[in-house]
Amino acid sequence: MTKTKKYPWREVGFINRDSSGFDIEQDPFGKGAERLAYMFYEIKQKIKGPAWEQVGKVMVAKESRYIEDEESKEKFHTDCC
């Protein structure tokens, strides 16, 4: 019998009905002792062309300064949250 890994995350929908994705700035606008703060946007595809546009208000995404890779990032959130 194979033990399946329980998915620890709860699905959360978009705030804006028109949204179909999200974008996070690459450079943090704020740096604290333990966290980095990034501008975070919900986005939707433009009607004409392959470009995307921001939908709704700017939000903030935070991440630990001590994350080295995606696996350790998930472990950090699973253990702490």
PDB file of N, CA and C in Angstrom:
ATOM      1  N   MET A   1       0.839  -1.162   0.000  1.00  0.00           N
ATOM      2  CA  MET A   1       0.000   0.000   0.000  1.00  0.00           C
ATOM      3  C   MET A   1       0.898   1.244   0.000  1.00  0.00           C
ATOM      4  N   THR A   2       0.633   2.175  -0.888  1.00  0.00           N
ATOM      5  CA  THR A   2       1.419   3.392  -0.999  1.00  0.00           C
ATOM      6  C   THR A   2       0.793   4.494  -0.167  1.00  0.00           C
ATOM      7  N   LYS A   3       1.604   5.131   0.624  1.00  0.00           N
ATOM      8  CA  LYS A   3       1.124   6.243   1.445  1.00  0.00           C
ATOM      9  C   LYS A   3       1.194   7.522   0.613  1.00  0.00           C
ATOM     10  N   THR A   4       0.076   8.201   0.461  1.00  0.00           N
ATOM     11  CA  THR A   4       0.066   9.430  -0.322  1.00  0.00           C
ATOM     12  C   THR A   4       0.354  10.620   0.572  1.00  0.00           C
ATOM     13  N   LYS A   5       1.069  11.576   0.015  1.00  0.00           N
ATOM     14  CA  LYS A   5       1.404  12.789   0.740  1.00  0.00           C
ATOM     15  C   LYS A   5       0.177  13.697   0.788  1.00  0.00           C
ATOM     16  N   LYS A   6      -0.182  14.121   1.971  1.00  0.00           N
ATOM     17  CA  LYS A   6      -1.338  15.004   2.121  1.00  0.00           C
ATOM     18  C   LYS A   6      -0.969  16.400   1.631  1.00  0.00           C
ATOM     19  N   TYR A   7      -1.796  16.944   0.792  1.00  0.00           N
ATOM     20  CA  TYR A   7      -1.580  18.290   0.262  1.00  0.00           C
ATOM     21  C   TYR A   7      -1.962  19.296   1.344  1.00  0.00           C
ATOM     22  N   PRO A   8      -1.007  20.090   1.852  1.00  0.00           N
ATOM     23  CA  PRO A   8      -1.267  20.941   3.021  1.00  0.00           C
ATOM     24  C   PRO A   8      -1.961  22.261   2.717  1.00  0.00           C
ATOM     25  N   TRP A   9      -2.160  22.590   1.449  1.00  0.00           N
ATOM     26  CA  TRP A   9      -2.658  23.924   1.111  1.00  0.00           C
ATOM     27  C   TRP A   9      -4.164  23.921   0.860  1.00  0.00           C
ATOM     28  N   ARG A  10      -4.779  24.997   1.241  1.00  0.00           N
ATOM     29  CA  ARG A  10      -6.213  25.207   1.011  1.00  0.00           C
ATOM     30  C   ARG A  10      -6.352  26.103  -0.219  1.00  0.00           C
ATOM     31  N   GLU A  11      -7.201  25.695  -1.152  1.00  0.00           N
ATOM     32  CA  GLU A  11      -7.386  26.489  -2.362  1.00  0.00           C
ATOM     33  C   GLU A  11      -8.095  27.796  -2.026  1.00  0.00           C
ATOM     34  N   VAL A  12      -7.574  28.866  -2.581  1.00  0.00           N
ATOM     35  CA  VAL A  12      -8.155  30.190  -2.386  1.00  0.00           C
ATOM     36  C   VAL A  12      -8.381  30.787  -3.768  1.00  0.00           C
ATOM     37  N   GLY A  13      -9.572  31.251  -4.017  1.00  0.00           N
ATOM     38  CA  GLY A  13      -9.886  31.831  -5.318  1.00  0.00           C
ATOM     39  C   GLY A  13      -9.317  33.230  -5.479  1.00  0.00           C
ATOM     40  N   PHE A  14      -9.387  33.734  -6.691  1.00  0.00           N
ATOM     41  CA  PHE A  14      -8.950  35.103  -6.961  1.00  0.00           C
ATOM     42  C   PHE A  14      -9.899  36.101  -6.313  1.00  0.00           C
ATOM     43  N   ILE A  15      -9.400  37.269  -6.012  1.00  0.00           N
ATOM     44  CA  ILE A  15     -10.232  38.334  -5.446  1.00  0.00           C
ATOM     45  C   ILE A  15     -11.107  38.943  -6.538  1.00  0.00           C
ATOM     46  N   ASN A  16     -10.541  39.123  -7.729  1.00  0.00           N
ATOM     47  CA  ASN A  16     -11.258  39.731  -8.853  1.00  0.00           C
ATOM     48  C   ASN A  16     -11.766  38.663  -9.817  1.00  0.00           C
ATOM     49  N   ARG A  17     -13.015  38.768 -10.203  1.00  0.00           N
ATOM     50  CA  ARG A  17     -13.627  37.774 -11.088  1.00  0.00           C
ATOM     51  C   ARG A  17     -12.910  37.646 -12.423  1.00  0.00           C
ATOM     52  N   ASP A  18     -12.351  38.736 -12.932  1.00  0.00           N
ATOM     53  CA  ASP A  18     -11.714  38.731 -14.242  1.00  0.00           C
ATOM     54  C   ASP A  18     -10.307  38.122 -14.228  1.00  0.00           C
ATOM     55  N   SER A  19      -9.771  37.862 -13.072  1.00  0.00           N
ATOM     56  CA  SER A  19      -8.399  37.365 -12.964  1.00  0.00           C
ATOM     57  C   SER A  19      -8.280  35.943 -13.485  1.00  0.00           C
ATOM     58  N   SER A  20      -7.108  35.679 -14.090  1.00  0.00           N
ATOM     59  CA  SER A  20      -6.830  34.315 -14.533  1.00  0.00           C
ATOM     60  C   SER A  20      -5.405  33.896 -14.169  1.00  0.00           C
ATOM     61  N   GLY A  21      -4.732  34.717 -13.382  1.00  0.00           N
ATOM     62  CA  GLY A  21      -3.378  34.394 -12.964  1.00  0.00           C
ATOM     63  C   GLY A  21      -2.865  35.441 -12.003  1.00  0.00           C
ATOM     64  N   PHE A  22      -1.591  35.344 -11.667  1.00  0.00           N
ATOM     65  CA  PHE A  22      -0.986  36.342 -10.793  1.00  0.00           C
ATOM     66  C   PHE A  22       0.463  36.563 -11.191  1.00  0.00           C
ATOM     67  N   ASP A  23       1.010  37.683 -10.750  1.00  0.00           N
ATOM     68  CA  ASP A  23       2.382  38.048 -11.053  1.00  0.00           C
ATOM     69  C   ASP A  23       3.008  38.629  -9.795  1.00  0.00           C
ATOM     70  N   ILE A  24       4.255  38.271  -9.537  1.00  0.00           N
ATOM     71  CA  ILE A  24       4.987  38.787  -8.387  1.00  0.00           C
ATOM     72  C   ILE A  24       6.250  39.452  -8.922  1.00  0.00           C
ATOM     73  N   GLU A  25       6.512  40.687  -8.481  1.00  0.00           N
ATOM     74  CA  GLU A  25       7.726  41.385  -8.887  1.00  0.00           C
ATOM     75  C   GLU A  25       8.952  40.574  -8.478  1.00  0.00           C
ATOM     76  N   GLN A  26      10.013  40.663  -9.233  1.00  0.00           N
ATOM     77  CA  GLN A  26      11.223  39.899  -8.928  1.00  0.00           C
ATOM     78  C   GLN A  26      12.072  40.555  -7.842  1.00  0.00           C
ATOM     79  N   ASP A  27      12.040  41.868  -7.763  1.00  0.00           N
ATOM     80  CA  ASP A  27      12.841  42.581  -6.771  1.00  0.00           C
ATOM     81  C   ASP A  27      11.963  43.019  -5.610  1.00  0.00           C
ATOM     82  N   PRO A  28      12.359  42.715  -4.377  1.00  0.00           N
ATOM     83  CA  PRO A  28      11.553  43.115  -3.218  1.00  0.00           C
ATOM     84  C   PRO A  28      11.559  44.627  -3.023  1.00  0.00           C
ATOM     85  N   PHE A  29      10.418  45.175  -2.586  1.00  0.00           N
ATOM     86  CA  PHE A  29      10.365  46.601  -2.282  1.00  0.00           C
ATOM     87  C   PHE A  29      10.649  46.851  -0.799  1.00  0.00           C
ATOM     88  N   GLY A  30      10.610  45.791  -0.002  1.00  0.00           N
ATOM     89  CA  GLY A  30      10.891  45.910   1.424  1.00  0.00           C
ATOM     90  C   GLY A  30      11.684  44.714   1.917  1.00  0.00           C
ATOM     91  N   LYS A  31      12.595  44.980   2.846  1.00  0.00           N
ATOM     92  CA  LYS A  31      13.424  43.912   3.406  1.00  0.00           C
ATOM     93  C   LYS A  31      13.436  44.043   4.915  1.00  0.00           C
ATOM     94  N   GLY A  32      12.922  43.021   5.597  1.00  0.00           N
ATOM     95  CA  GLY A  32      12.946  42.992   7.047  1.00  0.00           C
ATOM     96  C   GLY A  32      14.010  42.030   7.535  1.00  0.00           C
ATOM     97  N   ALA A  33      14.055  41.812   8.836  1.00  0.00           N
ATOM     98  CA  ALA A  33      15.054  40.920   9.417  1.00  0.00           C
ATOM     99  C   ALA A  33      14.881  39.477   8.927  1.00  0.00           C
ATOM    100  N   GLU A  34      13.624  39.040   8.723  1.00  0.00           N
ATOM    101  CA  GLU A  34      13.377  37.648   8.325  1.00  0.00           C
ATOM    102  C   GLU A  34      12.612  37.487   7.017  1.00  0.00           C
ATOM    103  N   ARG A  35      12.001  38.553   6.519  1.00  0.00           N
ATOM    104  CA  ARG A  35      11.137  38.450   5.343  1.00  0.00           C
ATOM    105  C   ARG A  35      11.496  39.477   4.276  1.00  0.00           C
ATOM    106  N   LEU A  36      11.177  39.120   3.035  1.00  0.00           N
ATOM    107  CA  LEU A  36      11.251  40.030   1.903  1.00  0.00           C
ATOM    108  C   LEU A  36       9.818  40.293   1.456  1.00  0.00           C
ATOM    109  N   ALA A  37       9.511  41.528   1.065  1.00  0.00           N
ATOM    110  CA  ALA A  37       8.156  41.883   0.629  1.00  0.00           C
ATOM    111  C   ALA A  37       8.179  42.264  -0.851  1.00  0.00           C
ATOM    112  N   TYR A  38       7.264  41.669  -1.609  1.00  0.00           N
ATOM    113  CA  TYR A  38       7.181  41.880  -3.050  1.00  0.00           C
ATOM    114  C   TYR A  38       5.805  42.415  -3.434  1.00  0.00           C
ATOM    115  N   MET A  39       5.749  43.244  -4.486  1.00  0.00           N
ATOM    116  CA  MET A  39       4.472  43.653  -5.065  1.00  0.00           C
ATOM    117  C   MET A  39       3.869  42.423  -5.742  1.00  0.00           C
ATOM    118  N   PHE A  40       2.566  42.253  -5.584  1.00  0.00           N
ATOM    119  CA  PHE A  40       1.853  41.064  -6.045  1.00  0.00           C
ATOM    120  C   PHE A  40       0.580  41.531  -6.731  1.00  0.00           C
ATOM    121  N   TYR A  41       0.301  41.023  -7.923  1.00  0.00           N
ATOM    122  CA  TYR A  41      -0.849  41.463  -8.714  1.00  0.00           C
ATOM    123  C   TYR A  41      -1.653  40.277  -9.220  1.00  0.00           C
ATOM    124  N   GLU A  42      -2.950  40.438  -9.272  1.00  0.00           N
ATOM    125  CA  GLU A  42      -3.765  39.511 -10.063  1.00  0.00           C
ATOM    126  C   GLU A  42      -3.739  40.061 -11.484  1.00  0.00           C
ATOM    127  N   ILE A  43      -3.736  39.149 -12.470  1.00  0.00           N
ATOM    128  CA  ILE A  43      -3.646  39.569 -13.865  1.00  0.00           C
ATOM    129  C   ILE A  43      -4.670  38.838 -14.721  1.00  0.00           C
ATOM    130  N   LYS A  44      -4.916  39.404 -15.894  1.00  0.00           N
ATOM    131  CA  LYS A  44      -5.746  38.735 -16.905  1.00  0.00           C
ATOM    132  C   LYS A  44      -5.112  38.995 -18.260  1.00  0.00           C
ATOM    133  N   GLN A  45      -5.417  38.125 -19.213  1.00  0.00           N
ATOM    134  CA  GLN A  45      -4.872  38.297 -20.555  1.00  0.00           C
ATOM    135  C   GLN A  45      -5.614  39.421 -21.264  1.00  0.00           C
ATOM    136  N   LYS A  46      -4.868  40.253 -21.975  1.00  0.00           N
ATOM    137  CA  LYS A  46      -5.493  41.333 -22.753  1.00  0.00           C
ATOM    138  C   LYS A  46      -6.312  40.730 -23.884  1.00  0.00           C
ATOM    139  N   ILE A  47      -7.336  41.440 -24.291  1.00  0.00           N
ATOM    140  CA  ILE A  47      -8.220  40.947 -25.350  1.00  0.00           C
ATOM    141  C   ILE A  47      -7.459  40.771 -26.656  1.00  0.00           C
ATOM    142  N   LYS A  48      -6.569  41.715 -26.972  1.00  0.00           N
ATOM    143  CA  LYS A  48      -5.781  41.624 -28.204  1.00  0.00           C
ATOM    144  C   LYS A  48      -4.321  41.396 -27.849  1.00  0.00           C
ATOM    145  N   GLY A  49      -3.755  40.367 -28.414  1.00  0.00           N
ATOM    146  CA  GLY A  49      -2.334  40.094 -28.220  1.00  0.00           C
ATOM    147  C   GLY A  49      -2.055  39.171 -27.049  1.00  0.00           C
ATOM    148  N   PRO A  50      -0.785  38.794 -26.913  1.00  0.00           N
ATOM    149  CA  PRO A  50      -0.391  37.836 -25.881  1.00  0.00           C
ATOM    150  C   PRO A  50      -0.046  38.474 -24.525  1.00  0.00           C
ATOM    151  N   ALA A  51      -0.235  39.762 -24.396  1.00  0.00           N
ATOM    152  CA  ALA A  51       0.162  40.458 -23.169  1.00  0.00           C
ATOM    153  C   ALA A  51      -0.853  40.285 -22.041  1.00  0.00           C
ATOM    154  N   TRP A  52      -0.415  40.615 -20.831  1.00  0.00           N
ATOM    155  CA  TRP A  52      -1.248  40.532 -19.635  1.00  0.00           C
ATOM    156  C   TRP A  52      -1.411  41.921 -19.037  1.00  0.00           C
ATOM    157  N   GLU A  53      -2.490  42.113 -18.286  1.00  0.00           N
ATOM    158  CA  GLU A  53      -2.690  43.393 -17.602  1.00  0.00           C
ATOM    159  C   GLU A  53      -3.118  43.156 -16.164  1.00  0.00           C
ATOM    160  N   GLN A  54      -2.769  44.106 -15.328  1.00  0.00           N
ATOM    161  CA  GLN A  54      -3.084  44.029 -13.904  1.00  0.00           C
ATOM    162  C   GLN A  54      -4.579  44.204 -13.684  1.00  0.00           C
ATOM    163  N   VAL A  55      -5.128  43.441 -12.743  1.00  0.00           N
ATOM    164  CA  VAL A  55      -6.541  43.532 -12.384  1.00  0.00           C
ATOM    165  C   VAL A  55      -6.611  43.839 -10.887  1.00  0.00           C
ATOM    166  N   GLY A  56      -7.358  44.853 -10.515  1.00  0.00           N
ATOM    167  CA  GLY A  56      -7.530  45.152  -9.098  1.00  0.00           C
ATOM    168  C   GLY A  56      -6.356  45.887  -8.476  1.00  0.00           C
ATOM    169  N   LYS A  57      -6.339  45.866  -7.149  1.00  0.00           N
ATOM    170  CA  LYS A  57      -5.331  46.602  -6.386  1.00  0.00           C
ATOM    171  C   LYS A  57      -4.035  45.807  -6.237  1.00  0.00           C
ATOM    172  N   VAL A  58      -2.961  46.541  -5.986  1.00  0.00           N
ATOM    173  CA  VAL A  58      -1.666  45.928  -5.698  1.00  0.00           C
ATOM    174  C   VAL A  58      -1.747  45.269  -4.326  1.00  0.00           C
ATOM    175  N   MET A  59      -1.159  44.085  -4.204  1.00  0.00           N
ATOM    176  CA  MET A  59      -1.114  43.370  -2.927  1.00  0.00           C
ATOM    177  C   MET A  59       0.350  43.133  -2.559  1.00  0.00           C
ATOM    178  N   VAL A  60       0.572  42.526  -1.408  1.00  0.00           N
ATOM    179  CA  VAL A  60       1.928  42.246  -0.942  1.00  0.00           C
ATOM    180  C   VAL A  60       2.105  40.736  -0.749  1.00  0.00           C
ATOM    181  N   ALA A  61       3.196  40.209  -1.275  1.00  0.00           N
ATOM    182  CA  ALA A  61       3.580  38.809  -1.065  1.00  0.00           C
ATOM    183  C   ALA A  61       4.867  38.812  -0.248  1.00  0.00           C
ATOM    184  N   LYS A  62       4.919  37.987   0.789  1.00  0.00           N
ATOM    185  CA  LYS A  62       6.109  37.926   1.638  1.00  0.00           C
ATOM    186  C   LYS A  62       6.751  36.552   1.548  1.00  0.00           C
ATOM    187  N   GLU A  63       8.072  36.545   1.680  1.00  0.00           N
ATOM    188  CA  GLU A  63       8.815  35.298   1.622  1.00  0.00           C
ATOM    189  C   GLU A  63       9.988  35.373   2.594  1.00  0.00           C
ATOM    190  N   SER A  64      10.339  34.246   3.148  1.00  0.00           N
ATOM    191  CA  SER A  64      11.469  34.191   4.069  1.00  0.00           C
ATOM    192  C   SER A  64      12.770  34.531   3.350  1.00  0.00           C
ATOM    193  N   ARG A  65      13.675  35.191   4.037  1.00  0.00           N
ATOM    194  CA  ARG A  65      14.998  35.499   3.483  1.00  0.00           C
ATOM    195  C   ARG A  65      15.864  34.249   3.396  1.00  0.00           C
ATOM    196  N   TYR A  66      15.502  33.201   4.125  1.00  0.00           N
ATOM    197  CA  TYR A  66      16.374  32.047   4.277  1.00  0.00           C
ATOM    198  C   TYR A  66      15.999  30.858   3.409  1.00  0.00           C
ATOM    199  N   ILE A  67      15.141  31.051   2.432  1.00  0.00           N
ATOM    200  CA  ILE A  67      14.736  29.986   1.523  1.00  0.00           C
ATOM    201  C   ILE A  67      15.784  29.850   0.419  1.00  0.00           C
ATOM    202  N   GLU A  68      16.274  28.632   0.208  1.00  0.00           N
ATOM    203  CA  GLU A  68      17.318  28.409  -0.792  1.00  0.00           C
ATOM    204  C   GLU A  68      16.779  27.829  -2.097  1.00  0.00           C
ATOM    205  N   ASP A  69      15.691  27.053  -2.018  1.00  0.00           N
ATOM    206  CA  ASP A  69      15.120  26.448  -3.214  1.00  0.00           C
ATOM    207  C   ASP A  69      13.634  26.173  -2.976  1.00  0.00           C
ATOM    208  N   GLU A  70      12.929  25.733  -4.002  1.00  0.00           N
ATOM    209  CA  GLU A  70      11.484  25.515  -3.899  1.00  0.00           C
ATOM    210  C   GLU A  70      11.124  24.428  -2.887  1.00  0.00           C
ATOM    211  N   GLU A  71      11.933  23.386  -2.782  1.00  0.00           N
ATOM    212  CA  GLU A  71      11.640  22.310  -1.837  1.00  0.00           C
ATOM    213  C   GLU A  71      11.734  22.804  -0.392  1.00  0.00           C
ATOM    214  N   SER A  72      12.762  23.586  -0.096  1.00  0.00           N
ATOM    215  CA  SER A  72      12.886  24.113   1.267  1.00  0.00           C
ATOM    216  C   SER A  72      11.809  25.160   1.552  1.00  0.00           C
ATOM    217  N   LYS A  73      11.363  25.868   0.514  1.00  0.00           N
ATOM    218  CA  LYS A  73      10.276  26.843   0.684  1.00  0.00           C
ATOM    219  C   LYS A  73       8.994  26.135   1.105  1.00  0.00           C
ATOM    220  N   GLU A  74       8.663  25.040   0.427  1.00  0.00           N
ATOM    221  CA  GLU A  74       7.454  24.283   0.779  1.00  0.00           C
ATOM    222  C   GLU A  74       7.579  23.688   2.179  1.00  0.00           C
ATOM    223  N   LYS A  75       8.751  23.148   2.514  1.00  0.00           N
ATOM    224  CA  LYS A  75       8.965  22.577   3.842  1.00  0.00           C
ATOM    225  C   LYS A  75       8.811  23.633   4.925  1.00  0.00           C
ATOM    226  N   PHE A  76       9.336  24.827   4.696  1.00  0.00           N
ATOM    227  CA  PHE A  76       9.207  25.919   5.652  1.00  0.00           C
ATOM    228  C   PHE A  76       7.729  26.219   5.934  1.00  0.00           C
ATOM    229  N   HIS A  77       6.929  26.358   4.875  1.00  0.00           N
ATOM    230  CA  HIS A  77       5.510  26.676   5.042  1.00  0.00           C
ATOM    231  C   HIS A  77       4.738  25.514   5.656  1.00  0.00           C
ATOM    232  N   THR A  78       5.099  24.294   5.309  1.00  0.00           N
ATOM    233  CA  THR A  78       4.422  23.129   5.860  1.00  0.00           C
ATOM    234  C   THR A  78       4.700  23.015   7.349  1.00  0.00           C
ATOM    235  N   ASP A  79       5.946  23.222   7.767  1.00  0.00           N
ATOM    236  CA  ASP A  79       6.333  23.107   9.177  1.00  0.00           C
ATOM    237  C   ASP A  79       5.809  24.271  10.024  1.00  0.00           C
ATOM    238  N   CYS A  80       5.873  25.468   9.490  1.00  0.00           N
ATOM    239  CA  CYS A  80       5.543  26.662  10.291  1.00  0.00           C
ATOM    240  C   CYS A  80       4.076  27.079  10.215  1.00  0.00           C
ATOM    241  N   CYS A  81       3.434  26.767   9.139  1.00  0.00           N
ATOM    242  CA  CYS A  81       2.072  27.248   8.960  1.00  0.00           C
ATOM    243  C   CYS A  81       1.116  26.099   9.096  1.00  0.00           C
TER     244      CYS A  81
END
